[in-house]
């Protein structure tokens, strides 16, 4: 099992329409892989999404990758 999401953590959200990644803040935790997010989309503005599952598909969230050194 990976890192458990907690309120205030920054994650990447795959935008539903484009699949581009936008930063998001976890504002509520439903389970280890479902959360409510405050999404900051530079083109469309801010939005809330509820019950978002973890994954790499559009409409899902994932942890930011750690850059290689």
Protein backbone atom coordinates (compact mmCIF):
# COMPACT_ATOMS: atom_id res chain seq x y z
CA UNK A 1 0.00 0.00 0.00
CA UNK A 2 1.21 3.51 -0.82
CA UNK A 3 0.82 6.82 0.93
CA UNK A 4 -2.59 7.47 2.48
CA UNK A 5 -4.16 10.78 1.39
CA UNK A 6 -4.70 13.40 4.09
CA UNK A 7 -6.37 16.81 4.13
CA UNK A 8 -4.11 19.57 2.81
CA UNK A 9 -1.90 17.36 0.60
CA UNK A 10 -1.16 18.46 -2.96
CA UNK A 11 -1.93 15.92 -5.69
CA UNK A 12 -2.14 15.88 -9.48
CA UNK A 13 -5.61 15.76 -11.04
CA UNK A 14 -6.11 14.53 -14.62
CA UNK A 15 -8.63 16.94 -16.12
CA UNK A 16 -11.72 15.17 -17.45
CA UNK A 17 -11.88 16.87 -20.87
CA UNK A 18 -8.21 17.15 -21.78
CA UNK A 19 -6.31 14.73 -19.55
CA UNK A 20 -3.85 17.51 -18.73
CA UNK A 21 -2.59 17.57 -15.17
CA UNK A 22 -3.72 20.31 -12.78
CA UNK A 23 -2.66 20.77 -9.16
CA UNK A 24 -5.29 19.98 -6.55
CA UNK A 25 -5.58 20.06 -2.76
CA UNK A 26 -7.19 17.22 -0.82
CA UNK A 27 -10.04 18.77 1.21
CA UNK A 28 -11.76 15.57 2.38
CA UNK A 29 -10.85 11.88 2.47
CA UNK A 30 -13.53 9.28 1.72
CA UNK A 31 -11.20 6.25 1.66
CA UNK A 32 -7.56 5.47 0.90
CA UNK A 33 -8.22 6.00 -2.81
CA UNK A 34 -11.26 8.35 -2.96
CA UNK A 35 -11.05 12.03 -1.99
CA UNK A 36 -12.68 15.43 -2.48
CA UNK A 37 -10.40 17.86 -4.30
CA UNK A 38 -10.08 21.61 -4.78
CA UNK A 39 -8.71 21.73 -8.33
CA UNK A 40 -6.77 24.70 -9.71
CA UNK A 41 -7.14 24.67 -13.50
CA UNK A 42 -5.24 27.57 -15.11
CA UNK A 43 -7.66 27.70 -18.08
CA UNK A 44 -11.03 27.07 -16.40
CA UNK A 45 -10.43 28.36 -12.86
CA UNK A 46 -10.99 26.61 -9.55
CA UNK A 47 -13.48 23.80 -8.91
CA UNK A 48 -14.39 21.14 -6.38
CA UNK A 49 -14.72 17.47 -7.35
CA UNK A 50 -16.14 14.94 -4.91
CA UNK A 51 -15.44 11.21 -4.61
CA UNK A 52 -12.48 11.29 -7.01
CA UNK A 53 -10.68 7.97 -7.28
CA UNK A 54 -6.94 7.47 -7.47
CA UNK A 55 -5.63 6.52 -10.91
CA UNK A 56 -3.99 7.79 -14.08
CA UNK A 57 -7.15 8.17 -16.18
CA UNK A 58 -9.00 11.42 -16.89
CA UNK A 59 -11.01 12.48 -13.84
CA UNK A 60 -8.65 10.73 -11.39
CA UNK A 61 -5.93 11.92 -9.02
CA UNK A 62 -2.42 10.65 -8.37
CA UNK A 63 0.57 11.55 -6.26
CA UNK A 64 3.12 13.84 -7.95
CA UNK A 65 6.14 11.95 -9.22
CA UNK A 66 9.49 12.49 -7.55
CA UNK A 67 12.04 13.77 -10.08
CA UNK A 68 15.12 11.61 -10.60
CA UNK A 69 18.39 13.07 -9.37
